[in-house]
């Protein structure tokens, strides 16, 4: 099975600095890594980059050898902690406050047949079936307060976070969108957010930061349906070169003619089966 891979990120309409970042690569296996810095935390655009670049270095070690689903879930927080510790040392050397590392992190890779996704914080996953049906998984947190890996560095900040989100057993929401409607399940705030998708069943698997559901009509103030945006983003004209970049830019231009804009930064990566 062969795949095409591409990713892209862009600034949101209400931002002066883009706090999203992304990295993609084909070696030692196809992978896309996205991060979304917290707008209220100083220098989180730098923190997002540190998290992505450290995840890139550590991911091959994490995926060494065959793993069952249970083993992959068990390693989820181990990987997150290692990424954060390395990034924290580098942030300290740069003279940055630890809050600079307040960023969500989304790691996706493919073993040739299956796409695996780990989320640390909020984000979206978009899939397309053989028959063209599109579905979205949206992960959110109570009070729009994602559980950042940076909280692992500071017991006091972690305690304040748990106090702010209310019931910790229901603070994480996983919402499933498709043509039939939506369903939601609630999880503990620190429940591992891990998914896998067979490319034989889903020839397109895309991952995105939460900017995917920030599109709003500036004239009416109404948000654009998430499933509608997801479909538009997956209508690739071809799979040559920077196909995700081309598609995102085209959608943004077409939407702007309708006074529709993404208010938040947007990062998007896609794995597409080509045979």
Protein backbone atom coordinates (compact mmCIF):
# COMPACT_ATOMS: atom_id res chain seq x y z
CA UNK A 1 0.00 0.00 0.00
CA UNK A 2 1.38 3.42 -0.98
CA UNK A 3 0.34 6.75 0.48
CA UNK A 4 0.62 10.46 -0.18
CA UNK A 5 1.42 12.71 2.77
CA UNK A 6 1.28 16.48 3.24
CA UNK A 7 0.54 19.09 5.91
CA UNK A 8 0.15 22.83 6.28
CA UNK A 9 -0.55 25.45 8.92
CA UNK A 10 -1.81 29.03 8.75
CA UNK A 11 -2.67 31.92 11.03
CA UNK A 12 -6.17 32.68 12.31
CA UNK A 13 -7.99 35.92 11.53
CA UNK A 14 -7.91 37.11 15.15
CA UNK A 15 -4.22 36.33 15.75
CA UNK A 16 -1.16 38.55 15.35
CA UNK A 17 1.21 35.58 15.72
CA UNK A 18 0.57 32.05 14.48
CA UNK A 19 0.87 29.69 17.44
CA UNK A 20 0.32 26.49 15.44
CA UNK A 21 3.23 24.51 14.07
CA UNK A 22 3.67 21.30 12.11
CA UNK A 23 6.26 18.83 10.92
CA UNK A 24 5.97 15.98 8.44
CA UNK A 25 8.34 13.28 7.25
CA UNK A 26 8.54 9.95 5.47
CA UNK A 27 11.40 8.39 7.44
CA UNK A 28 11.54 6.08 9.26
CA UNK A 29 7.80 5.98 8.49
CA UNK A 30 5.23 8.55 7.31
CA UNK A 31 4.30 10.92 10.12
CA UNK A 32 2.66 14.27 10.82
CA UNK A 33 3.02 16.19 14.08
CA UNK A 34 0.92 19.26 14.93
CA UNK A 35 0.96 21.62 17.92
CA UNK A 36 -1.26 24.53 18.93
CA UNK A 37 0.11 27.04 21.43
CA UNK A 38 -2.19 28.62 24.01
CA UNK A 39 -3.01 32.22 23.04
CA UNK A 40 -2.99 33.44 26.65
CA UNK A 41 0.47 32.00 27.41
CA UNK A 42 3.50 34.10 26.48
CA UNK A 43 5.80 32.63 23.81
CA UNK A 44 3.62 29.56 23.25
CA UNK A 45 4.42 29.78 19.54
CA UNK A 46 8.02 28.91 20.48
CA UNK A 47 6.78 26.21 22.86
CA UNK A 48 4.69 24.63 20.13
CA UNK A 49 7.79 24.34 17.95
CA UNK A 50 9.83 22.80 20.74
CA UNK A 51 7.15 20.17 21.37
CA UNK A 52 6.84 19.25 17.68
CA UNK A 53 10.59 19.01 17.09
CA UNK A 54 11.15 16.91 20.20
CA UNK A 55 8.24 14.65 19.28
CA UNK A 56 9.88 14.13 15.89
CA UNK A 57 13.09 12.97 17.58
CA UNK A 58 11.43 10.66 20.11
CA UNK A 59 8.65 9.10 18.00
CA UNK A 60 10.85 6.41 16.32
CA UNK A 61 11.90 5.06 19.73
CA UNK A 62 8.28 4.93 20.87
CA UNK A 63 7.17 2.91 17.84
CA UNK A 64 10.03 0.40 17.85
CA UNK A 65 8.71 -3.17 17.62
CA UNK A 66 5.19 -4.51 17.28
CA UNK A 67 2.70 -3.15 19.80
CA UNK A 68 -0.80 -4.16 20.77
CA UNK A 69 -3.43 -1.49 21.31
CA UNK A 70 -3.08 -1.93 25.07
CA UNK A 71 0.70 -1.44 24.87
CA UNK A 72 0.32 1.68 22.75
CA UNK A 73 -2.13 3.17 25.24
CA UNK A 74 0.21 2.31 28.11
CA UNK A 75 3.07 4.12 26.36
CA UNK A 76 0.98 7.22 25.58
CA UNK A 77 1.87 9.25 28.67
CA UNK A 78 5.42 7.90 28.74
CA UNK A 79 6.01 9.44 25.33
CA UNK A 80 4.30 12.68 26.35
CA UNK A 81 6.41 13.03 29.49
CA UNK A 82 9.67 12.46 27.61
CA UNK A 83 8.74 15.05 25.00
CA UNK A 84 7.83 17.58 27.67
CA UNK A 85 10.96 17.03 29.77
CA UNK A 86 13.24 17.59 26.79
CA UNK A 87 11.28 20.65 25.67
CA UNK A 88 11.32 22.05 29.23
CA UNK A 89 15.12 21.82 29.42
CA UNK A 90 15.44 23.64 26.12
CA UNK A 91 12.91 26.30 27.12
CA UNK A 92 14.84 26.90 30.33
CA UNK A 93 18.08 27.31 28.40
CA UNK A 94 16.32 29.89 26.21
CA UNK A 95 15.13 31.80 29.27
CA UNK A 96 11.46 31.03 28.65
CA UNK A 97 8.81 30.63 31.33
CA UNK A 98 7.39 27.10 31.61
CA UNK A 99 4.01 28.47 30.45
CA UNK A 100 5.54 28.86 26.99
CA UNK A 101 5.03 25.10 26.71
CA UNK A 102 1.25 25.42 27.12
CA UNK A 103 0.36 23.80 23.81
CA UNK A 104 -1.67 20.89 22.54
CA UNK A 105 0.20 18.19 20.65
CA UNK A 106 -1.11 15.79 18.01
CA UNK A 107 1.08 12.97 16.74
CA UNK A 108 0.08 10.75 13.80
CA UNK A 109 2.05 8.12 11.93
CA UNK A 110 1.45 5.26 9.50
CA UNK A 111 2.98 1.78 9.39
CA UNK A 112 1.91 1.36 5.76
CA UNK A 113 -1.56 0.00 6.48
CA UNK A 114 -2.83 1.81 9.58
CA UNK A 115 -2.71 5.41 10.76
CA UNK A 116 -2.15 5.82 14.51
CA UNK A 117 -3.07 9.04 16.31
CA UNK A 118 -2.19 10.30 19.78
CA UNK A 119 -3.66 13.56 21.09
CA UNK A 120 -2.35 15.52 24.05
CA UNK A 121 -5.06 18.15 24.37
CA UNK A 122 -7.80 19.09 21.91
CA UNK A 123 -7.92 18.55 18.16
CA UNK A 124 -9.76 16.88 15.30
CA UNK A 125 -9.48 13.76 13.16
CA UNK A 126 -11.22 13.57 9.78
CA UNK A 127 -11.75 10.33 7.88
CA UNK A 128 -13.21 9.53 4.47
CA UNK A 129 -14.54 6.08 3.57
CA UNK A 130 -14.36 4.38 0.19
CA UNK A 131 -17.91 5.51 -0.58
CA UNK A 132 -16.99 9.16 0.11
CA UNK A 133 -18.63 9.40 3.52
CA UNK A 134 -16.83 11.83 5.82
CA UNK A 135 -16.67 11.63 9.61
CA UNK A 136 -15.01 13.84 12.23
CA UNK A 137 -13.77 13.07 15.74
CA UNK A 138 -13.49 16.25 17.80
CA UNK A 139 -11.75 16.19 21.19
CA UNK A 140 -12.52 19.05 23.57
CA UNK A 141 -12.17 19.84 27.27
CA UNK A 142 -14.41 21.45 29.88
CA UNK A 143 -14.21 25.23 29.92
CA UNK A 144 -12.26 25.17 26.65
CA UNK A 145 -9.22 24.34 28.81
CA UNK A 146 -7.14 21.54 27.24
CA UNK A 147 -4.99 19.33 29.44
CA UNK A 148 -1.51 20.52 28.45
CA UNK A 149 1.55 18.34 28.90
CA UNK A 150 3.16 21.33 30.64
CA UNK A 151 0.95 20.70 33.68
CA UNK A 152 3.05 17.59 34.31
CA UNK A 153 5.93 19.92 35.22
CA UNK A 154 4.13 21.81 37.98
CA UNK A 155 1.99 20.16 40.67
CA UNK A 156 0.49 23.50 41.69
CA UNK A 157 -0.64 24.37 38.15
CA UNK A 158 -2.02 20.85 37.74
CA UNK A 159 -4.04 21.20 40.95
CA UNK A 160 -5.42 24.58 39.81
CA UNK A 161 -6.33 23.07 36.45
CA UNK A 162 -8.24 20.20 38.03
CA UNK A 163 -10.09 22.68 40.21
CA UNK A 164 -11.03 24.82 37.21
CA UNK A 165 -12.45 22.04 35.02
CA UNK A 166 -15.07 20.84 37.50
CA UNK A 167 -15.71 17.11 37.49
CA UNK A 168 -12.38 15.58 36.36
CA UNK A 169 -14.12 12.35 35.42
CA UNK A 170 -16.07 14.12 32.64
CA UNK A 171 -13.71 16.90 31.60
CA UNK A 172 -12.68 15.36 28.26
CA UNK A 173 -15.35 15.18 25.54
CA UNK A 174 -14.94 13.05 22.42
CA UNK A 175 -17.56 13.99 19.84
CA UNK A 176 -18.24 11.92 16.72
CA UNK A 177 -19.72 13.69 13.67
CA UNK A 178 -21.06 11.99 10.53
CA UNK A 179 -23.99 12.17 8.12
CA UNK A 180 -26.24 10.48 10.68
CA UNK A 181 -25.64 13.10 13.38
CA UNK A 182 -23.38 13.41 16.41
CA UNK A 183 -22.65 11.39 19.52
CA UNK A 184 -20.55 12.34 22.54
CA UNK A 185 -18.71 10.35 25.17
CA UNK A 186 -17.06 11.89 28.19
CA UNK A 187 -13.80 10.73 29.71
CA UNK A 188 -11.54 11.57 32.61
CA UNK A 189 -9.37 14.63 31.81
CA UNK A 190 -6.19 12.55 31.60
CA UNK A 191 -7.61 9.51 29.81
CA UNK A 192 -5.23 8.57 26.93
CA UNK A 193 -6.65 9.90 23.66
CA UNK A 194 -5.52 7.25 21.19
CA UNK A 195 -7.02 6.15 17.85
CA UNK A 196 -6.12 4.01 14.85
CA UNK A 197 -7.61 3.84 11.36
CA UNK A 198 -7.12 1.24 8.64
CA UNK A 199 -6.34 2.85 5.27
CA UNK A 200 -8.11 -0.10 3.62
CA UNK A 201 -11.33 1.19 5.20
CA UNK A 202 -10.51 4.90 5.30
CA UNK A 203 -8.42 5.92 2.26
CA UNK A 204 -8.09 9.44 3.70
CA UNK A 205 -7.17 10.11 7.32
CA UNK A 206 -6.50 13.72 8.29
CA UNK A 207 -5.56 15.33 11.58
CA UNK A 208 -6.11 18.96 12.52
CA UNK A 209 -5.76 21.45 15.33
CA UNK A 210 -8.93 22.94 16.81
CA UNK A 211 -8.82 25.76 14.26
CA UNK A 212 -10.78 23.42 11.99
CA UNK A 213 -13.93 24.32 13.91
CA UNK A 214 -13.23 28.06 14.18
CA UNK A 215 -14.78 29.07 10.84
CA UNK A 216 -17.39 31.82 11.23
CA UNK A 217 -19.46 33.88 8.82
CA UNK A 218 -18.42 37.48 9.57
CA UNK A 219 -21.73 38.91 8.34
CA UNK A 220 -24.04 36.69 10.38
CA UNK A 221 -21.76 35.68 13.21
CA UNK A 222 -22.78 32.06 12.68
CA UNK A 223 -20.22 29.26 12.88
CA UNK A 224 -19.79 27.02 9.85
CA UNK A 225 -20.72 23.38 10.41
CA UNK A 226 -17.60 21.35 11.25
CA UNK A 227 -18.54 18.48 8.95
CA UNK A 228 -18.96 20.93 6.05
CA UNK A 229 -15.50 22.38 6.61
CA UNK A 230 -14.00 18.89 6.93
CA UNK A 231 -15.48 17.80 3.58
CA UNK A 232 -14.14 20.91 1.85
CA UNK A 233 -10.65 20.39 3.22
CA UNK A 234 -10.51 16.80 1.87
CA UNK A 235 -11.53 17.56 -1.72
CA UNK A 236 -7.97 17.42 -3.04
CA UNK A 237 -7.59 18.31 -6.71
CA UNK A 238 -4.56 16.01 -7.01
CA UNK A 239 -2.06 14.32 -4.72
CA UNK A 240 1.02 15.85 -6.31
CA UNK A 241 3.40 17.98 -4.28
CA UNK A 242 1.94 20.20 -1.55
CA UNK A 243 -1.63 18.96 -2.01
CA UNK A 244 -2.83 19.84 1.51
CA UNK A 245 -1.31 23.32 1.27
CA UNK A 246 -3.02 23.91 -2.10
CA UNK A 247 -6.37 22.70 -0.82
CA UNK A 248 -6.34 24.70 2.41
CA UNK A 249 -5.34 27.88 0.60
CA UNK A 250 -8.06 27.36 -2.01
CA UNK A 251 -10.73 26.78 0.63
CA UNK A 252 -9.65 29.88 2.54
CA UNK A 253 -9.87 32.01 -0.61
CA UNK A 254 -13.30 30.64 -1.56
CA UNK A 255 -14.59 31.05 2.00
CA UNK A 256 -13.32 34.64 2.19
CA UNK A 257 -15.50 35.52 -0.81
CA UNK A 258 -18.44 34.44 1.36
CA UNK A 259 -17.11 36.43 4.36
CA UNK A 260 -16.20 33.20 6.13
CA UNK A 261 -12.91 33.12 8.04
CA UNK A 262 -11.01 30.85 10.43
CA UNK A 263 -10.71 32.86 13.65
CA UNK A 264 -8.14 30.49 15.15
CA UNK A 265 -4.86 29.21 13.71
CA UNK A 266 -5.27 26.04 11.69
CA UNK A 267 -2.90 23.11 11.26
CA UNK A 268 -3.84 20.18 9.00
CA UNK A 269 -2.10 17.01 7.86
CA UNK A 270 -3.38 14.15 5.69
CA UNK A 271 -2.48 10.55 4.88
CA UNK A 272 -4.04 9.44 1.58
CA UNK A 273 -3.99 5.92 0.15
CA UNK A 274 -2.98 6.09 -3.49
CA UNK A 275 -3.43 2.48 -4.70
